[in-house]
Each structure stands twice: as structure tokens, then as C-alpha cells.
N, C-alpha and C. Protein backbone atom coordinates (compact mmCIF):
# COMPACT_ATOMS: atom_id res chain seq x y z
N MET A 1 12.39 -7.73 -2.61
CA MET A 1 13.48 -7.47 -3.52
C MET A 1 14.51 -6.61 -2.79
N ASN A 2 15.71 -7.10 -2.71
CA ASN A 2 16.79 -6.34 -2.10
C ASN A 2 17.58 -5.60 -3.17
N LEU A 3 18.33 -4.63 -2.73
CA LEU A 3 19.19 -3.91 -3.65
C LEU A 3 20.39 -4.77 -4.02
N THR A 4 20.80 -4.69 -5.26
CA THR A 4 22.00 -5.39 -5.68
C THR A 4 23.22 -4.60 -5.18
N SER A 5 24.38 -5.22 -5.22
CA SER A 5 25.59 -4.52 -4.79
C SER A 5 25.87 -3.31 -5.70
N ALA A 6 25.50 -3.42 -6.98
CA ALA A 6 25.68 -2.29 -7.90
C ALA A 6 24.76 -1.14 -7.52
N GLU A 7 23.52 -1.46 -7.12
CA GLU A 7 22.59 -0.41 -6.70
C GLU A 7 23.04 0.21 -5.39
N LEU A 8 23.51 -0.60 -4.46
CA LEU A 8 24.02 -0.06 -3.19
C LEU A 8 25.16 0.93 -3.44
N ALA A 9 26.03 0.59 -4.38
CA ALA A 9 27.17 1.46 -4.70
C ALA A 9 26.70 2.75 -5.39
N ARG A 10 25.54 2.71 -6.02
CA ARG A 10 25.02 3.86 -6.76
C ARG A 10 24.29 4.88 -5.88
N ILE A 11 24.02 4.54 -4.61
CA ILE A 11 23.30 5.46 -3.72
C ILE A 11 24.15 6.72 -3.52
N ASP A 12 23.54 7.87 -3.76
CA ASP A 12 24.23 9.15 -3.65
C ASP A 12 24.09 9.70 -2.23
N TRP A 13 24.97 9.25 -1.35
CA TRP A 13 24.95 9.69 0.05
C TRP A 13 25.41 11.14 0.19
N ASP A 14 26.23 11.61 -0.73
CA ASP A 14 26.79 12.96 -0.61
C ASP A 14 25.75 14.05 -0.85
N LYS A 15 24.78 13.79 -1.70
CA LYS A 15 23.79 14.82 -2.04
C LYS A 15 23.04 15.31 -0.80
N GLY A 16 22.74 14.41 0.13
CA GLY A 16 21.98 14.77 1.32
C GLY A 16 22.82 14.76 2.58
N ALA A 17 24.10 15.05 2.46
CA ALA A 17 25.01 15.09 3.63
C ALA A 17 24.98 13.77 4.41
N GLY A 18 25.02 12.66 3.67
CA GLY A 18 25.06 11.35 4.30
C GLY A 18 23.70 10.72 4.55
N LEU A 19 22.64 11.42 4.16
CA LEU A 19 21.28 10.90 4.34
C LEU A 19 20.57 10.81 3.00
N VAL A 20 19.66 9.85 2.88
CA VAL A 20 18.79 9.77 1.71
C VAL A 20 17.35 9.72 2.19
N PRO A 21 16.43 10.41 1.49
CA PRO A 21 15.02 10.29 1.85
C PRO A 21 14.50 8.90 1.49
N VAL A 22 13.58 8.43 2.32
CA VAL A 22 13.02 7.09 2.15
C VAL A 22 11.50 7.19 2.15
N VAL A 23 10.88 6.85 1.04
CA VAL A 23 9.42 6.80 0.94
C VAL A 23 9.01 5.38 1.32
N VAL A 24 8.11 5.27 2.30
CA VAL A 24 7.65 3.96 2.74
C VAL A 24 6.24 3.75 2.21
N GLN A 25 6.07 2.64 1.52
CA GLN A 25 4.82 2.31 0.85
C GLN A 25 4.29 1.00 1.43
N ASP A 26 2.99 0.91 1.62
CA ASP A 26 2.38 -0.34 2.08
C ASP A 26 2.54 -1.40 0.99
N ALA A 27 3.10 -2.53 1.36
CA ALA A 27 3.37 -3.58 0.36
C ALA A 27 2.09 -4.19 -0.20
N GLY A 28 0.98 -4.09 0.52
CA GLY A 28 -0.27 -4.66 0.03
C GLY A 28 -1.10 -3.71 -0.80
N SER A 29 -1.25 -2.47 -0.31
CA SER A 29 -2.15 -1.53 -0.97
C SER A 29 -1.44 -0.51 -1.85
N ALA A 30 -0.14 -0.39 -1.72
CA ALA A 30 0.68 0.60 -2.43
C ALA A 30 0.43 2.02 -1.91
N ALA A 31 -0.28 2.17 -0.78
CA ALA A 31 -0.49 3.49 -0.18
C ALA A 31 0.84 4.00 0.38
N VAL A 32 1.08 5.29 0.24
CA VAL A 32 2.28 5.89 0.83
C VAL A 32 2.02 6.06 2.32
N LEU A 33 2.90 5.49 3.14
CA LEU A 33 2.71 5.51 4.59
C LEU A 33 3.44 6.67 5.25
N MET A 34 4.67 6.90 4.86
CA MET A 34 5.46 7.94 5.52
C MET A 34 6.72 8.25 4.72
N LEU A 35 7.42 9.28 5.18
CA LEU A 35 8.72 9.65 4.63
C LEU A 35 9.69 9.72 5.79
N GLY A 36 10.85 9.12 5.62
CA GLY A 36 11.89 9.17 6.64
C GLY A 36 13.23 9.34 5.97
N TYR A 37 14.29 9.28 6.77
CA TYR A 37 15.65 9.41 6.24
C TYR A 37 16.50 8.28 6.76
N MET A 38 17.45 7.85 5.94
CA MET A 38 18.39 6.80 6.33
C MET A 38 19.81 7.25 6.04
N ASN A 39 20.70 6.82 6.90
CA ASN A 39 22.12 6.90 6.59
C ASN A 39 22.56 5.48 6.24
N ARG A 40 23.84 5.28 5.98
CA ARG A 40 24.32 3.94 5.59
C ARG A 40 24.01 2.90 6.66
N GLU A 41 24.24 3.28 7.92
CA GLU A 41 24.03 2.33 9.02
C GLU A 41 22.56 1.94 9.15
N ALA A 42 21.65 2.89 8.99
CA ALA A 42 20.22 2.60 9.08
C ALA A 42 19.80 1.65 7.96
N LEU A 43 20.30 1.88 6.76
CA LEU A 43 19.97 1.00 5.64
C LEU A 43 20.52 -0.39 5.89
N GLN A 44 21.76 -0.47 6.35
CA GLN A 44 22.37 -1.78 6.62
C GLN A 44 21.57 -2.54 7.68
N ARG A 45 21.19 -1.86 8.74
CA ARG A 45 20.42 -2.50 9.81
C ARG A 45 19.05 -2.95 9.29
N THR A 46 18.43 -2.13 8.47
CA THR A 46 17.12 -2.48 7.88
C THR A 46 17.24 -3.74 7.03
N LEU A 47 18.28 -3.80 6.20
CA LEU A 47 18.46 -4.96 5.33
C LEU A 47 18.78 -6.22 6.13
N GLU A 48 19.51 -6.08 7.23
CA GLU A 48 19.88 -7.24 8.05
C GLU A 48 18.71 -7.76 8.87
N THR A 49 17.95 -6.85 9.49
CA THR A 49 16.88 -7.27 10.41
C THR A 49 15.52 -7.39 9.75
N ARG A 50 15.35 -6.79 8.56
CA ARG A 50 14.07 -6.72 7.84
C ARG A 50 13.05 -5.89 8.59
N ARG A 51 13.49 -5.13 9.60
CA ARG A 51 12.65 -4.16 10.32
C ARG A 51 13.20 -2.79 9.97
N VAL A 52 12.32 -1.89 9.57
CA VAL A 52 12.75 -0.59 9.05
C VAL A 52 13.34 0.27 10.17
N THR A 53 14.55 0.75 9.91
CA THR A 53 15.28 1.63 10.84
C THR A 53 15.61 2.92 10.10
N PHE A 54 15.39 4.04 10.76
CA PHE A 54 15.66 5.35 10.18
C PHE A 54 16.76 6.06 10.96
N PHE A 55 17.21 7.18 10.40
CA PHE A 55 18.09 8.08 11.13
C PHE A 55 17.26 9.30 11.50
N SER A 56 17.19 9.61 12.80
CA SER A 56 16.43 10.77 13.25
C SER A 56 17.29 12.01 13.13
N ARG A 57 16.85 12.94 12.32
CA ARG A 57 17.61 14.18 12.14
C ARG A 57 17.54 15.06 13.38
N SER A 58 16.43 15.01 14.10
CA SER A 58 16.31 15.85 15.30
C SER A 58 17.08 15.28 16.48
N ARG A 59 17.10 13.96 16.63
CA ARG A 59 17.81 13.33 17.76
C ARG A 59 19.22 12.91 17.41
N GLN A 60 19.53 12.96 16.11
CA GLN A 60 20.86 12.58 15.63
C GLN A 60 21.25 11.16 16.06
N ARG A 61 20.31 10.25 15.87
CA ARG A 61 20.58 8.84 16.20
C ARG A 61 19.66 7.94 15.37
N LEU A 62 20.01 6.64 15.34
CA LEU A 62 19.15 5.67 14.66
C LEU A 62 17.92 5.40 15.51
N TRP A 63 16.82 5.14 14.85
CA TRP A 63 15.62 4.68 15.56
C TRP A 63 14.87 3.69 14.69
N GLN A 64 14.47 2.61 15.32
CA GLN A 64 13.70 1.60 14.61
C GLN A 64 12.23 1.97 14.71
N LYS A 65 11.55 2.00 13.58
CA LYS A 65 10.13 2.35 13.57
C LYS A 65 9.40 1.40 14.52
N GLY A 66 8.69 1.98 15.48
CA GLY A 66 7.94 1.18 16.44
C GLY A 66 8.67 0.87 17.72
N GLU A 67 9.84 1.46 17.91
CA GLU A 67 10.60 1.11 19.12
C GLU A 67 9.88 1.55 20.40
N THR A 68 9.05 2.58 20.34
CA THR A 68 8.27 2.97 21.52
C THR A 68 6.80 2.57 21.39
N SER A 69 6.23 2.68 20.19
CA SER A 69 4.80 2.38 20.00
C SER A 69 4.53 0.90 19.79
N GLY A 70 5.52 0.17 19.31
CA GLY A 70 5.32 -1.24 18.96
C GLY A 70 4.80 -1.42 17.54
N ASN A 71 4.49 -0.32 16.85
CA ASN A 71 3.97 -0.39 15.48
C ASN A 71 5.14 -0.40 14.51
N GLN A 72 5.65 -1.58 14.26
CA GLN A 72 6.84 -1.74 13.42
C GLN A 72 6.49 -1.82 11.94
N LEU A 73 7.52 -1.62 11.13
CA LEU A 73 7.43 -1.79 9.69
C LEU A 73 8.30 -2.96 9.30
N GLN A 74 7.70 -4.01 8.77
CA GLN A 74 8.42 -5.20 8.33
C GLN A 74 8.76 -5.03 6.85
N LEU A 75 10.04 -5.00 6.53
CA LEU A 75 10.50 -4.76 5.17
C LEU A 75 10.13 -5.90 4.23
N ARG A 76 9.62 -5.54 3.06
CA ARG A 76 9.32 -6.52 2.00
C ARG A 76 10.22 -6.31 0.77
N ALA A 77 10.47 -5.04 0.42
CA ALA A 77 11.29 -4.77 -0.76
C ALA A 77 11.89 -3.38 -0.67
N VAL A 78 13.03 -3.20 -1.36
CA VAL A 78 13.71 -1.91 -1.42
C VAL A 78 14.03 -1.61 -2.87
N ARG A 79 13.78 -0.36 -3.28
CA ARG A 79 14.10 0.05 -4.65
C ARG A 79 14.81 1.40 -4.59
N LEU A 80 15.69 1.61 -5.51
CA LEU A 80 16.43 2.86 -5.63
C LEU A 80 15.89 3.63 -6.82
N ASP A 81 15.72 4.95 -6.67
CA ASP A 81 15.18 5.73 -7.78
C ASP A 81 16.24 5.93 -8.87
N CYS A 82 15.82 6.53 -9.97
CA CYS A 82 16.69 6.68 -11.15
C CYS A 82 17.91 7.55 -10.89
N ASP A 83 17.81 8.51 -9.97
CA ASP A 83 18.94 9.39 -9.67
C ASP A 83 19.86 8.82 -8.59
N GLY A 84 19.42 7.77 -7.93
CA GLY A 84 20.23 7.17 -6.88
C GLY A 84 20.20 7.95 -5.57
N ASP A 85 19.22 8.85 -5.42
CA ASP A 85 19.23 9.67 -4.20
C ASP A 85 17.97 9.52 -3.35
N THR A 86 17.11 8.57 -3.68
CA THR A 86 15.90 8.31 -2.89
C THR A 86 15.61 6.81 -2.91
N LEU A 87 15.17 6.30 -1.75
CA LEU A 87 14.80 4.89 -1.65
C LEU A 87 13.30 4.76 -1.52
N LEU A 88 12.76 3.70 -2.08
CA LEU A 88 11.37 3.31 -1.90
C LEU A 88 11.37 1.99 -1.15
N LEU A 89 10.77 1.99 0.03
CA LEU A 89 10.66 0.76 0.81
C LEU A 89 9.22 0.30 0.78
N GLN A 90 9.01 -0.95 0.48
CA GLN A 90 7.68 -1.54 0.58
C GLN A 90 7.70 -2.37 1.86
N ALA A 91 6.70 -2.12 2.72
CA ALA A 91 6.70 -2.74 4.03
C ALA A 91 5.28 -3.07 4.47
N ILE A 92 5.20 -3.90 5.50
CA ILE A 92 3.94 -4.24 6.13
C ILE A 92 3.96 -3.60 7.52
N ALA A 93 2.96 -2.77 7.80
CA ALA A 93 2.87 -2.10 9.09
C ALA A 93 2.10 -2.98 10.08
N SER A 94 2.59 -3.02 11.32
CA SER A 94 1.91 -3.82 12.34
C SER A 94 0.86 -3.00 13.10
N GLY A 95 0.69 -1.74 12.72
CA GLY A 95 -0.29 -0.87 13.36
C GLY A 95 -0.23 0.50 12.70
N PRO A 96 -0.86 1.50 13.31
CA PRO A 96 -0.80 2.85 12.74
C PRO A 96 0.65 3.30 12.57
N VAL A 97 0.94 3.94 11.46
CA VAL A 97 2.31 4.34 11.17
C VAL A 97 2.64 5.70 11.77
N CYS A 98 1.70 6.61 11.76
CA CYS A 98 1.97 7.97 12.23
C CYS A 98 1.93 8.07 13.75
N HIS A 99 2.75 8.96 14.28
CA HIS A 99 2.77 9.17 15.73
C HIS A 99 1.45 9.76 16.24
N THR A 100 0.61 10.28 15.34
CA THR A 100 -0.69 10.82 15.74
C THR A 100 -1.75 9.72 15.86
N GLY A 101 -1.40 8.50 15.43
CA GLY A 101 -2.33 7.38 15.51
C GLY A 101 -3.06 7.07 14.23
N THR A 102 -2.78 7.83 13.16
CA THR A 102 -3.43 7.54 11.88
C THR A 102 -2.65 6.46 11.13
N ALA A 103 -3.32 5.84 10.18
CA ALA A 103 -2.72 4.75 9.43
C ALA A 103 -1.49 5.20 8.64
N THR A 104 -1.51 6.45 8.16
CA THR A 104 -0.37 6.98 7.42
C THR A 104 -0.04 8.37 7.97
N CYS A 105 1.12 8.86 7.63
CA CYS A 105 1.50 10.21 8.04
C CYS A 105 0.81 11.27 7.17
N PHE A 106 0.02 10.83 6.22
CA PHE A 106 -0.70 11.72 5.33
C PHE A 106 -2.20 11.64 5.59
N GLY A 107 -2.59 11.20 6.77
CA GLY A 107 -3.99 11.07 7.14
C GLY A 107 -4.54 9.71 6.73
N ASP A 108 -5.79 9.50 7.01
CA ASP A 108 -6.43 8.22 6.69
C ASP A 108 -7.23 8.28 5.41
N THR A 109 -6.79 9.07 4.44
CA THR A 109 -7.54 9.24 3.21
C THR A 109 -7.03 8.33 2.10
N GLN A 110 -6.21 7.36 2.43
CA GLN A 110 -5.68 6.45 1.41
C GLN A 110 -6.78 5.51 0.94
N PRO A 111 -6.67 5.01 -0.28
CA PRO A 111 -7.67 4.07 -0.79
C PRO A 111 -7.58 2.75 -0.04
N PRO A 112 -8.66 1.96 -0.03
CA PRO A 112 -8.58 0.66 0.62
C PRO A 112 -7.55 -0.23 -0.07
N PRO A 113 -7.09 -1.25 0.62
CA PRO A 113 -6.09 -2.14 0.02
C PRO A 113 -6.54 -2.70 -1.32
N LEU A 114 -5.58 -2.96 -2.20
CA LEU A 114 -5.90 -3.48 -3.53
C LEU A 114 -6.65 -4.80 -3.46
N ALA A 115 -6.29 -5.65 -2.49
CA ALA A 115 -6.97 -6.93 -2.37
C ALA A 115 -8.46 -6.70 -2.11
N PHE A 116 -8.79 -5.72 -1.26
CA PHE A 116 -10.19 -5.40 -0.99
C PHE A 116 -10.87 -4.92 -2.27
N ASN A 117 -10.19 -4.03 -3.02
CA ASN A 117 -10.77 -3.51 -4.27
C ASN A 117 -11.04 -4.63 -5.25
N ARG A 118 -10.11 -5.59 -5.36
CA ARG A 118 -10.31 -6.71 -6.29
C ARG A 118 -11.51 -7.55 -5.87
N ARG A 119 -11.65 -7.80 -4.57
CA ARG A 119 -12.79 -8.59 -4.09
C ARG A 119 -14.10 -7.85 -4.35
N ALA A 120 -14.10 -6.55 -4.10
CA ALA A 120 -15.31 -5.76 -4.30
C ALA A 120 -15.71 -5.76 -5.78
N ARG A 121 -14.74 -5.56 -6.67
CA ARG A 121 -15.06 -5.57 -8.11
C ARG A 121 -15.57 -6.93 -8.54
N ALA A 122 -14.96 -8.01 -8.05
CA ALA A 122 -15.40 -9.36 -8.42
C ALA A 122 -16.82 -9.59 -7.92
N HIS A 123 -17.12 -9.12 -6.73
CA HIS A 123 -18.47 -9.27 -6.17
C HIS A 123 -19.49 -8.54 -7.05
N HIS A 124 -19.17 -7.33 -7.45
CA HIS A 124 -20.10 -6.55 -8.27
C HIS A 124 -20.27 -7.17 -9.65
N ARG A 125 -19.20 -7.69 -10.23
CA ARG A 125 -19.32 -8.35 -11.53
C ARG A 125 -20.22 -9.58 -11.42
N ALA A 126 -20.02 -10.36 -10.34
CA ALA A 126 -20.83 -11.56 -10.15
C ALA A 126 -22.29 -11.18 -9.94
N ALA A 127 -22.55 -10.14 -9.18
CA ALA A 127 -23.94 -9.69 -8.96
C ALA A 127 -24.56 -9.24 -10.28
N ASP A 128 -23.81 -8.54 -11.11
CA ASP A 128 -24.31 -8.11 -12.42
C ASP A 128 -24.65 -9.31 -13.29
N ARG A 129 -23.79 -10.33 -13.28
CA ARG A 129 -24.05 -11.54 -14.08
C ARG A 129 -25.30 -12.25 -13.59
N ARG A 130 -25.46 -12.33 -12.26
CA ARG A 130 -26.66 -12.99 -11.72
C ARG A 130 -27.92 -12.23 -12.12
N ALA A 131 -27.89 -10.90 -12.04
CA ALA A 131 -29.05 -10.10 -12.41
C ALA A 131 -29.37 -10.27 -13.90
N HIS A 132 -28.33 -10.32 -14.72
CA HIS A 132 -28.53 -10.50 -16.16
C HIS A 132 -29.15 -11.87 -16.44
N ARG A 133 -28.64 -12.92 -15.75
CA ARG A 133 -29.20 -14.26 -15.94
C ARG A 133 -30.67 -14.31 -15.51
N ARG A 134 -30.97 -13.67 -14.39
CA ARG A 134 -32.37 -13.68 -13.93
C ARG A 134 -33.27 -13.05 -14.99
N GLN A 135 -32.79 -11.99 -15.60
CA GLN A 135 -33.58 -11.32 -16.63
C GLN A 135 -33.74 -12.21 -17.86
N LEU A 136 -32.65 -12.87 -18.25
CA LEU A 136 -32.71 -13.73 -19.43
C LEU A 136 -33.63 -14.92 -19.23
N TYR A 137 -33.59 -15.51 -18.06
CA TYR A 137 -34.31 -16.75 -17.83
C TYR A 137 -35.63 -16.56 -17.07
N ARG A 138 -36.05 -15.31 -16.92
CA ARG A 138 -37.32 -15.06 -16.25
C ARG A 138 -38.43 -15.63 -17.13
N PRO A 139 -39.28 -16.42 -16.53
CA PRO A 139 -40.35 -16.98 -17.36
C PRO A 139 -41.24 -15.86 -17.92
N ALA A 140 -41.62 -16.01 -19.15
CA ALA A 140 -42.48 -15.01 -19.80
C ALA A 140 -43.88 -15.11 -19.20
N ALA A 141 -44.54 -13.98 -19.17
CA ALA A 141 -45.92 -13.98 -18.66
C ALA A 141 -46.77 -14.84 -19.59
N PRO A 142 -47.66 -15.59 -19.00
CA PRO A 142 -48.53 -16.42 -19.85
C PRO A 142 -49.28 -15.55 -20.86
N GLN A 143 -49.60 -16.13 -22.01
CA GLN A 143 -50.23 -15.42 -23.11
C GLN A 143 -51.56 -14.80 -22.70
N ARG A 144 -52.33 -15.51 -21.89
CA ARG A 144 -53.66 -15.01 -21.54
C ARG A 144 -53.58 -13.70 -20.76
N TYR A 145 -52.52 -13.52 -19.91
CA TYR A 145 -52.39 -12.26 -19.17
C TYR A 145 -52.08 -11.11 -20.11
N GLN A 146 -51.27 -11.39 -21.10
CA GLN A 146 -50.92 -10.34 -22.05
C GLN A 146 -52.16 -9.91 -22.83
N THR A 147 -53.01 -10.86 -23.17
CA THR A 147 -54.23 -10.56 -23.91
C THR A 147 -55.17 -9.72 -23.06
N HIS A 148 -55.32 -10.10 -21.79
CA HIS A 148 -56.21 -9.35 -20.90
C HIS A 148 -55.74 -7.92 -20.72
N ARG A 149 -54.43 -7.73 -20.61
CA ARG A 149 -53.90 -6.38 -20.46
C ARG A 149 -54.24 -5.53 -21.69
N ALA A 150 -54.11 -6.13 -22.87
CA ALA A 150 -54.40 -5.41 -24.09
C ALA A 150 -55.88 -5.06 -24.18
N GLU A 151 -56.75 -5.95 -23.70
CA GLU A 151 -58.19 -5.70 -23.76
C GLU A 151 -58.61 -4.66 -22.75
N ALA A 152 -57.86 -4.54 -21.63
CA ALA A 152 -58.22 -3.62 -20.58
C ALA A 152 -57.97 -2.17 -21.00
N ARG A 153 -57.22 -1.96 -22.01
CA ARG A 153 -56.92 -0.60 -22.47
C ARG A 153 -58.01 -0.07 -23.23
């Protein structure tokens, strides 16, 4: 999902001296991957190339995520928050996102991808159904064994 022209016009560039914070979220798992900043040019380049580009506040220049590591962020969707001063980017990472080598800049404590969770839940539900069926259709012990057990007491 791209921003509409009305949403682009609503971005409050002045609040952050020409920059807006950008929360990057994994498009598959919804895990928060990192926080960066964009100026108008970085956003335009991101929308044109579908590869996430930020503005580096320390180097005072544009940088495309993965330009040195090769771990790029492929843009899937962009959303603007209610105040018009923060962007949410949904992207697919081609490798670890953080410069430290972790999957996210917030450590590797994120939950597994939603697709994995759905498969795991479906597997457990199916296993529960199979166990229930086995119990329902288990042949009853023959009558003579039940009688012998009662007599043995």
C-alpha cells in the first residue's frame, strides 16, 4: 500500500526539522525491526525503488539499508500515523537488520512469524482431534476381562 497524494501532502516535515521517524515492521510477522529517519528525498527514493532508504543524521546523507552489509529492506507498504509525523513501513528483510547482526535492532526476542504460529496452532488442533478420536473409537475391553478384574478385588 502506497501513500496517496493527500497523505503525502499531510506529512509534517517541519515538526522534525525536515525529518520524520520511520518505524520498520516485518511484513510477515509484524515484528518491529528498527527505527530510522527519512527526509523527502529518502521517502521519494524508497517509493521509486521499493528498497528502503533513510537519511543518516550522523553522516548527513542518504543511505540505503544494506548498502554495505547487503541486508536490504524490500518495501511492501507505507502508512502515515494520525498526526502525520511518523511513518510505518512494512518490509521484507533479506538478512539481519541490525548492524550488530541480530534480526532486529531490539534484539532477537521477537515472536516467531505469524505464519509459523498459524501452522503450529493448526498442528496442535489436529493432534488434539486425533487424540480425541482415538479415545472415542478405542475398542472397549472385552466383558470377561472386566469381570475378572472385579473378582480379583
